[in-house]
């Protein structure tokens, strides 16, 4: 118990508390028909989509939901930190400075997240991945499933390819004074970049 309540271990105890809180918030948002995970991916995509591969890609962002990666990072950080503090205390009889232990834990956590993220990515259903070129989705009808789409502020939508595969993309309206809300049917007219598309109101709602 001393390991968990020691001031030097508070960064890792706090990480565990965050994981629990995130789980509770996700449950609550699902109960009201929303999704914390979807919202985080939505925000992250605005800053990430279209950028070249980075350390986020190394951690499998885009293949694994951002919220899952965050939970993996916090969990790995906490486990590595507690383990380092335990070993350090066993040898020297005192706990290390939290700055030192936090730095070590962060470095150790990165490859742990990459490995576990790779395993989780393999478990995600293949029909929700980019098995065909996303540009071929232009001209297809999509359904907005999360958020409100405005110019430069995309919302999440679901669309099926000609092969029947399901894709989760982000759309924004072509006009400045247009917005799409959850449940709206839209027609994809242009690929902006990656999984981000311009859309107009579906001229043939009976198609969806």
C-alpha atoms as a PDB file:
ATOM      1  CA  UNK A   1       0.000   0.000   0.000  1.00  0.00           C
ATOM      2  CA  UNK A   2       2.905   2.333   0.725  1.00  0.00           C
ATOM      3  CA  UNK A   3       3.882   2.135  -2.945  1.00  0.00           C
ATOM      4  CA  UNK A   4       0.525   3.513  -4.099  1.00  0.00           C
ATOM      5  CA  UNK A   5       0.096   6.293  -1.531  1.00  0.00           C
ATOM      6  CA  UNK A   6       3.696   7.542  -1.494  1.00  0.00           C
ATOM      7  CA  UNK A   7       3.980  11.132  -2.851  1.00  0.00           C
ATOM      8  CA  UNK A   8       6.588   9.897  -5.328  1.00  0.00           C
ATOM      9  CA  UNK A   9       4.027   7.521  -6.820  1.00  0.00           C
ATOM     10  CA  UNK A  10       1.243  10.062  -7.272  1.00  0.00           C
ATOM     11  CA  UNK A  11       1.820  10.525 -11.052  1.00  0.00           C
ATOM     12  CA  UNK A  12       1.070   6.831 -11.521  1.00  0.00           C
ATOM     13  CA  UNK A  13      -1.799   6.701  -9.049  1.00  0.00           C
ATOM     14  CA  UNK A  14      -3.305   9.698 -10.852  1.00  0.00           C
ATOM     15  CA  UNK A  15      -2.941   7.854 -14.193  1.00  0.00           C
ATOM     16  CA  UNK A  16      -4.925   4.925 -12.767  1.00  0.00           C
ATOM     17  CA  UNK A  17      -7.624   7.305 -11.494  1.00  0.00           C
ATOM     18  CA  UNK A  18      -7.834   8.873 -14.977  1.00  0.00           C
ATOM     19  CA  UNK A  19      -8.361   5.460 -16.573  1.00  0.00           C
ATOM     20  CA  UNK A  20     -11.249   4.778 -14.189  1.00  0.00           C
ATOM     21  CA  UNK A  21     -12.776   8.212 -14.814  1.00  0.00           C
ATOM     22  CA  UNK A  22     -12.492   7.815 -18.596  1.00  0.00           C
ATOM     23  CA  UNK A  23     -14.256   4.468 -18.345  1.00  0.00           C
ATOM     24  CA  UNK A  24     -17.083   5.979 -16.313  1.00  0.00           C
ATOM     25  CA  UNK A  25     -17.485   8.941 -18.691  1.00  0.00           C
ATOM     26  CA  UNK A  26     -17.531   6.636 -21.722  1.00  0.00           C
ATOM     27  CA  UNK A  27     -20.274   4.539 -20.111  1.00  0.00           C
ATOM     28  CA  UNK A  28     -22.320   7.655 -19.323  1.00  0.00           C
ATOM     29  CA  UNK A  29     -21.941   9.081 -22.845  1.00  0.00           C
ATOM     30  CA  UNK A  30     -22.975   5.760 -24.384  1.00  0.00           C
ATOM     31  CA  UNK A  31     -26.096   5.769 -22.195  1.00  0.00           C
ATOM     32  CA  UNK A  32     -27.143   9.128 -23.672  1.00  0.00           C
ATOM     33  CA  UNK A  33     -26.410   8.016 -27.233  1.00  0.00           C
ATOM     34  CA  UNK A  34     -23.041   9.715 -27.667  1.00  0.00           C
ATOM     35  CA  UNK A  35     -19.468   8.443 -27.637  1.00  0.00           C
ATOM     36  CA  UNK A  36     -16.439   9.933 -25.912  1.00  0.00           C
ATOM     37  CA  UNK A  37     -14.195   7.835 -28.146  1.00  0.00           C
ATOM     38  CA  UNK A  38     -15.868   9.149 -31.301  1.00  0.00           C
ATOM     39  CA  UNK A  39     -15.608  12.739 -30.092  1.00  0.00           C
ATOM     40  CA  UNK A  40     -11.889  12.407 -29.327  1.00  0.00           C
ATOM     41  CA  UNK A  41     -11.184  10.833 -32.737  1.00  0.00           C
ATOM     42  CA  UNK A  42     -13.239  13.606 -34.340  1.00  0.00           C
ATOM     43  CA  UNK A  43     -11.148  16.341 -32.674  1.00  0.00           C
ATOM     44  CA  UNK A  44      -7.840  14.567 -33.256  1.00  0.00           C
ATOM     45  CA  UNK A  45      -8.602  14.014 -36.946  1.00  0.00           C
ATOM     46  CA  UNK A  46      -8.925  17.765 -37.545  1.00  0.00           C
ATOM     47  CA  UNK A  47      -5.288  18.206 -36.509  1.00  0.00           C
ATOM     48  CA  UNK A  48      -3.914  14.888 -37.756  1.00  0.00           C
ATOM     49  CA  UNK A  49      -5.689  14.056 -41.009  1.00  0.00           C
ATOM     50  CA  UNK A  50      -3.554  14.651 -44.088  1.00  0.00           C
ATOM     51  CA  UNK A  51      -0.288  14.906 -42.177  1.00  0.00           C
ATOM     52  CA  UNK A  52       2.569  12.542 -43.033  1.00  0.00           C
ATOM     53  CA  UNK A  53       3.317   9.587 -40.782  1.00  0.00           C
ATOM     54  CA  UNK A  54       4.425  10.707 -37.341  1.00  0.00           C
ATOM     55  CA  UNK A  55       4.914   9.243 -33.876  1.00  0.00           C
ATOM     56  CA  UNK A  56       1.114   9.010 -33.670  1.00  0.00           C
ATOM     57  CA  UNK A  57       1.191   6.698 -36.664  1.00  0.00           C
ATOM     58  CA  UNK A  58       3.971   4.733 -34.943  1.00  0.00           C
ATOM     59  CA  UNK A  59       1.564   4.219 -32.050  1.00  0.00           C
ATOM     60  CA  UNK A  60      -1.111   3.006 -34.533  1.00  0.00           C
ATOM     61  CA  UNK A  61      -3.331   6.063 -34.389  1.00  0.00           C
ATOM     62  CA  UNK A  62      -5.807   5.729 -37.238  1.00  0.00           C
ATOM     63  CA  UNK A  63      -5.909   1.966 -36.784  1.00  0.00           C
ATOM     64  CA  UNK A  64      -6.909   2.062 -33.111  1.00  0.00           C
ATOM     65  CA  UNK A  65      -9.330   4.604 -31.570  1.00  0.00           C
ATOM     66  CA  UNK A  66      -7.558   7.510 -29.878  1.00  0.00           C
ATOM     67  CA  UNK A  67      -9.323   6.856 -26.569  1.00  0.00           C
ATOM     68  CA  UNK A  68      -8.056   3.270 -26.544  1.00  0.00           C
ATOM     69  CA  UNK A  69      -4.506   4.496 -27.162  1.00  0.00           C
ATOM     70  CA  UNK A  70      -4.892   7.011 -24.336  1.00  0.00           C
ATOM     71  CA  UNK A  71      -6.047   4.295 -21.939  1.00  0.00           C
ATOM     72  CA  UNK A  72      -3.190   2.044 -23.061  1.00  0.00           C
ATOM     73  CA  UNK A  73      -0.712   4.878 -22.504  1.00  0.00           C
ATOM     74  CA  UNK A  74      -2.002   5.722 -19.034  1.00  0.00           C
ATOM     75  CA  UNK A  75      -2.074   2.067 -18.018  1.00  0.00           C
ATOM     76  CA  UNK A  76       1.421   1.336 -19.346  1.00  0.00           C
ATOM     77  CA  UNK A  77       2.741   4.537 -17.746  1.00  0.00           C
ATOM     78  CA  UNK A  78       1.274   3.560 -14.369  1.00  0.00           C
ATOM     79  CA  UNK A  79       2.521  -0.035 -14.500  1.00  0.00           C
ATOM     80  CA  UNK A  80       6.026   0.984 -15.570  1.00  0.00           C
ATOM     81  CA  UNK A  81       6.143   3.724 -12.917  1.00  0.00           C
ATOM     82  CA  UNK A  82       5.008   1.502 -10.060  1.00  0.00           C
ATOM     83  CA  UNK A  83       7.471  -1.207 -11.133  1.00  0.00           C
ATOM     84  CA  UNK A  84      10.368   1.270 -11.321  1.00  0.00           C
ATOM     85  CA  UNK A  85       9.519   2.731  -7.901  1.00  0.00           C
ATOM     86  CA  UNK A  86       9.263  -0.748  -6.394  1.00  0.00           C
ATOM     87  CA  UNK A  87      12.662  -1.830  -7.736  1.00  0.00           C
ATOM     88  CA  UNK A  88      14.306   1.484  -6.807  1.00  0.00           C
ATOM     89  CA  UNK A  89      12.913   1.289  -3.271  1.00  0.00           C
ATOM     90  CA  UNK A  90      14.019  -2.328  -2.971  1.00  0.00           C
ATOM     91  CA  UNK A  91      17.639  -1.438  -3.737  1.00  0.00           C
ATOM     92  CA  UNK A  92      18.015   1.945  -2.017  1.00  0.00           C
ATOM     93  CA  UNK A  93      15.265   1.968   0.585  1.00  0.00           C
ATOM     94  CA  UNK A  94      13.724   5.201  -0.739  1.00  0.00           C
ATOM     95  CA  UNK A  95      11.466   6.117  -3.620  1.00  0.00           C
ATOM     96  CA  UNK A  96      12.995   8.033  -6.570  1.00  0.00           C
ATOM     97  CA  UNK A  97      12.203  11.609  -7.480  1.00  0.00           C
ATOM     98  CA  UNK A  98       8.858  11.567  -9.367  1.00  0.00           C
ATOM     99  CA  UNK A  99      10.412  13.506 -12.270  1.00  0.00           C
ATOM    100  CA  UNK A 100      12.939  10.709 -12.771  1.00  0.00           C
ATOM    101  CA  UNK A 101      10.418   7.896 -12.383  1.00  0.00           C
ATOM    102  CA  UNK A 102       7.893   9.642 -14.645  1.00  0.00           C
ATOM    103  CA  UNK A 103      10.507  10.065 -17.383  1.00  0.00           C
ATOM    104  CA  UNK A 104      11.538   6.430 -17.178  1.00  0.00           C
ATOM    105  CA  UNK A 105       7.911   5.277 -17.116  1.00  0.00           C
ATOM    106  CA  UNK A 106       7.010   7.357 -20.179  1.00  0.00           C
ATOM    107  CA  UNK A 107       9.927   5.977 -22.208  1.00  0.00           C
ATOM    108  CA  UNK A 108       9.087   2.398 -21.215  1.00  0.00           C
ATOM    109  CA  UNK A 109       5.376   2.923 -21.898  1.00  0.00           C
ATOM    110  CA  UNK A 110       5.831   3.965 -25.545  1.00  0.00           C
ATOM    111  CA  UNK A 111       6.917   0.558 -26.915  1.00  0.00           C
ATOM    112  CA  UNK A 112       4.323  -1.110 -24.666  1.00  0.00           C
ATOM    113  CA  UNK A 113       1.589   1.005 -26.286  1.00  0.00           C
ATOM    114  CA  UNK A 114       2.933   0.271 -29.778  1.00  0.00           C
ATOM    115  CA  UNK A 115       2.933  -3.489 -29.196  1.00  0.00           C
ATOM    116  CA  UNK A 116      -0.476  -3.619 -27.525  1.00  0.00           C
ATOM    117  CA  UNK A 117      -1.914  -1.197 -30.111  1.00  0.00           C
ATOM    118  CA  UNK A 118      -0.743  -3.483 -32.903  1.00  0.00           C
ATOM    119  CA  UNK A 119      -2.478  -6.450 -31.266  1.00  0.00           C
ATOM    120  CA  UNK A 120      -5.721  -4.495 -30.807  1.00  0.00           C
ATOM    121  CA  UNK A 121      -5.599  -3.237 -34.420  1.00  0.00           C
ATOM    122  CA  UNK A 122      -5.670  -6.854 -35.583  1.00  0.00           C
ATOM    123  CA  UNK A 123      -8.863  -7.449 -33.596  1.00  0.00           C
ATOM    124  CA  UNK A 124     -10.776  -4.550 -35.159  1.00  0.00           C
ATOM    125  CA  UNK A 125     -13.197  -5.851 -37.827  1.00  0.00           C
ATOM    126  CA  UNK A 126     -11.705  -5.570 -41.281  1.00  0.00           C
ATOM    127  CA  UNK A 127     -14.927  -4.284 -42.809  1.00  0.00           C
ATOM    128  CA  UNK A 128     -14.384  -1.025 -40.910  1.00  0.00           C
ATOM    129  CA  UNK A 129     -10.923  -0.388 -42.331  1.00  0.00           C
ATOM    130  CA  UNK A 130      -9.666   1.173 -45.538  1.00  0.00           C
ATOM    131  CA  UNK A 131      -9.548  -2.008 -47.613  1.00  0.00           C
ATOM    132  CA  UNK A 132     -10.200  -0.045 -50.800  1.00  0.00           C
ATOM    133  CA  UNK A 133      -9.138   3.411 -51.902  1.00  0.00           C
ATOM    134  CA  UNK A 134     -11.177   5.985 -50.031  1.00  0.00           C
ATOM    135  CA  UNK A 135     -11.334   8.168 -53.128  1.00  0.00           C
ATOM    136  CA  UNK A 136     -13.691   5.617 -54.683  1.00  0.00           C
ATOM    137  CA  UNK A 137     -16.293   6.611 -52.091  1.00  0.00           C
ATOM    138  CA  UNK A 138     -16.908   9.943 -53.851  1.00  0.00           C
ATOM    139  CA  UNK A 139     -20.412   9.839 -55.282  1.00  0.00           C
ATOM    140  CA  UNK A 140     -21.688   7.545 -52.549  1.00  0.00           C
ATOM    141  CA  UNK A 141     -24.355   8.427 -50.001  1.00  0.00           C
ATOM    142  CA  UNK A 142     -23.289   8.580 -46.342  1.00  0.00           C
ATOM    143  CA  UNK A 143     -25.173   8.861 -43.063  1.00  0.00           C
ATOM    144  CA  UNK A 144     -23.995  11.308 -40.370  1.00  0.00           C
ATOM    145  CA  UNK A 145     -23.699   9.321 -37.131  1.00  0.00           C
ATOM    146  CA  UNK A 146     -21.894  11.607 -34.690  1.00  0.00           C
ATOM    147  CA  UNK A 147     -21.593  15.380 -34.320  1.00  0.00           C
ATOM    148  CA  UNK A 148     -22.637  18.416 -36.327  1.00  0.00           C
ATOM    149  CA  UNK A 149     -20.741  19.123 -39.546  1.00  0.00           C
ATOM    150  CA  UNK A 150     -19.897  22.706 -40.477  1.00  0.00           C
ATOM    151  CA  UNK A 151     -17.302  24.164 -42.819  1.00  0.00           C
ATOM    152  CA  UNK A 152     -13.868  23.148 -41.428  1.00  0.00           C
ATOM    153  CA  UNK A 153     -15.548  21.271 -38.555  1.00  0.00           C
ATOM    154  CA  UNK A 154     -16.273  17.724 -39.769  1.00  0.00           C
ATOM    155  CA  UNK A 155     -18.660  15.184 -38.286  1.00  0.00           C
ATOM    156  CA  UNK A 156     -18.388  11.416 -38.374  1.00  0.00           C
ATOM    157  CA  UNK A 157     -20.362   9.543 -41.021  1.00  0.00           C
ATOM    158  CA  UNK A 158     -20.853   5.983 -42.181  1.00  0.00           C
ATOM    159  CA  UNK A 159     -20.770   4.926 -45.818  1.00  0.00           C
ATOM    160  CA  UNK A 160     -20.709   1.652 -47.731  1.00  0.00           C
ATOM    161  CA  UNK A 161     -18.576   0.930 -50.773  1.00  0.00           C
ATOM    162  CA  UNK A 162     -19.821  -0.842 -53.865  1.00  0.00           C
ATOM    163  CA  UNK A 163     -18.375  -4.039 -52.386  1.00  0.00           C
ATOM    164  CA  UNK A 164     -20.577  -3.623 -49.309  1.00  0.00           C
ATOM    165  CA  UNK A 165     -17.731  -2.671 -46.972  1.00  0.00           C
ATOM    166  CA  UNK A 166     -18.523  -0.191 -44.204  1.00  0.00           C
ATOM    167  CA  UNK A 167     -16.293   2.869 -43.768  1.00  0.00           C
ATOM    168  CA  UNK A 168     -16.282   5.472 -41.037  1.00  0.00           C
ATOM    169  CA  UNK A 169     -15.266   8.832 -42.455  1.00  0.00           C
ATOM    170  CA  UNK A 170     -15.505  12.534 -41.620  1.00  0.00           C
ATOM    171  CA  UNK A 171     -17.564  14.942 -43.701  1.00  0.00           C
ATOM    172  CA  UNK A 172     -18.073  18.683 -43.832  1.00  0.00           C
ATOM    173  CA  UNK A 173     -20.540  20.672 -45.955  1.00  0.00           C
ATOM    174  CA  UNK A 174     -19.497  22.294 -49.204  1.00  0.00           C
ATOM    175  CA  UNK A 175     -21.190  25.614 -48.332  1.00  0.00           C
ATOM    176  CA  UNK A 176     -20.405  28.101 -45.558  1.00  0.00           C
ATOM    177  CA  UNK A 177     -23.963  28.395 -44.244  1.00  0.00           C
ATOM    178  CA  UNK A 178     -24.792  24.702 -44.357  1.00  0.00           C
ATOM    179  CA  UNK A 179     -24.594  22.189 -41.545  1.00  0.00           C
ATOM    180  CA  UNK A 180     -25.400  18.498 -41.204  1.00  0.00           C
ATOM    181  CA  UNK A 181     -26.498  16.843 -37.971  1.00  0.00           C
ATOM    182  CA  UNK A 182     -26.694  13.251 -36.777  1.00  0.00           C
ATOM    183  CA  UNK A 183     -29.139  11.314 -38.930  1.00  0.00           C
ATOM    184  CA  UNK A 184     -28.708  13.453 -42.059  1.00  0.00           C
ATOM    185  CA  UNK A 185     -28.155  11.735 -45.396  1.00  0.00           C
ATOM    186  CA  UNK A 186     -25.407  13.341 -47.505  1.00  0.00           C
ATOM    187  CA  UNK A 187     -23.762  12.828 -50.879  1.00  0.00           C
ATOM    188  CA  UNK A 188     -19.952  12.737 -50.956  1.00  0.00           C
ATOM    189  CA  UNK A 189     -18.731  15.109 -53.664  1.00  0.00           C
ATOM    190  CA  UNK A 190     -14.983  15.458 -53.013  1.00  0.00           C
ATOM    191  CA  UNK A 191     -12.206  13.877 -50.989  1.00  0.00           C
ATOM    192  CA  UNK A 192     -10.405  16.590 -49.023  1.00  0.00           C
ATOM    193  CA  UNK A 193      -7.691  14.322 -47.657  1.00  0.00           C
ATOM    194  CA  UNK A 194      -7.527  10.866 -46.142  1.00  0.00           C
ATOM    195  CA  UNK A 195     -10.933  10.002 -44.704  1.00  0.00           C
ATOM    196  CA  UNK A 196     -12.199  13.582 -44.842  1.00  0.00           C
ATOM    197  CA  UNK A 197     -14.788  14.493 -47.508  1.00  0.00           C
ATOM    198  CA  UNK A 198     -16.881  17.401 -48.725  1.00  0.00           C
ATOM    199  CA  UNK A 199     -20.582  16.604 -48.894  1.00  0.00           C
ATOM    200  CA  UNK A 200     -23.896  18.067 -49.984  1.00  0.00           C
ATOM    201  CA  UNK A 201     -27.413  17.220 -48.877  1.00  0.00           C
ATOM    202  CA  UNK A 202     -28.487  13.954 -50.455  1.00  0.00           C
ATOM    203  CA  UNK A 203     -30.569  14.943 -53.522  1.00  0.00           C
ATOM    204  CA  UNK A 204     -32.138  11.456 -53.502  1.00  0.00           C
ATOM    205  CA  UNK A 205     -32.933  10.509 -49.882  1.00  0.00           C
ATOM    206  CA  UNK A 206     -34.613   7.357 -51.138  1.00  0.00           C
ATOM    207  CA  UNK A 207     -31.161   6.034 -52.120  1.00  0.00           C
ATOM    208  CA  UNK A 208     -30.175   5.485 -48.477  1.00  0.00           C
END
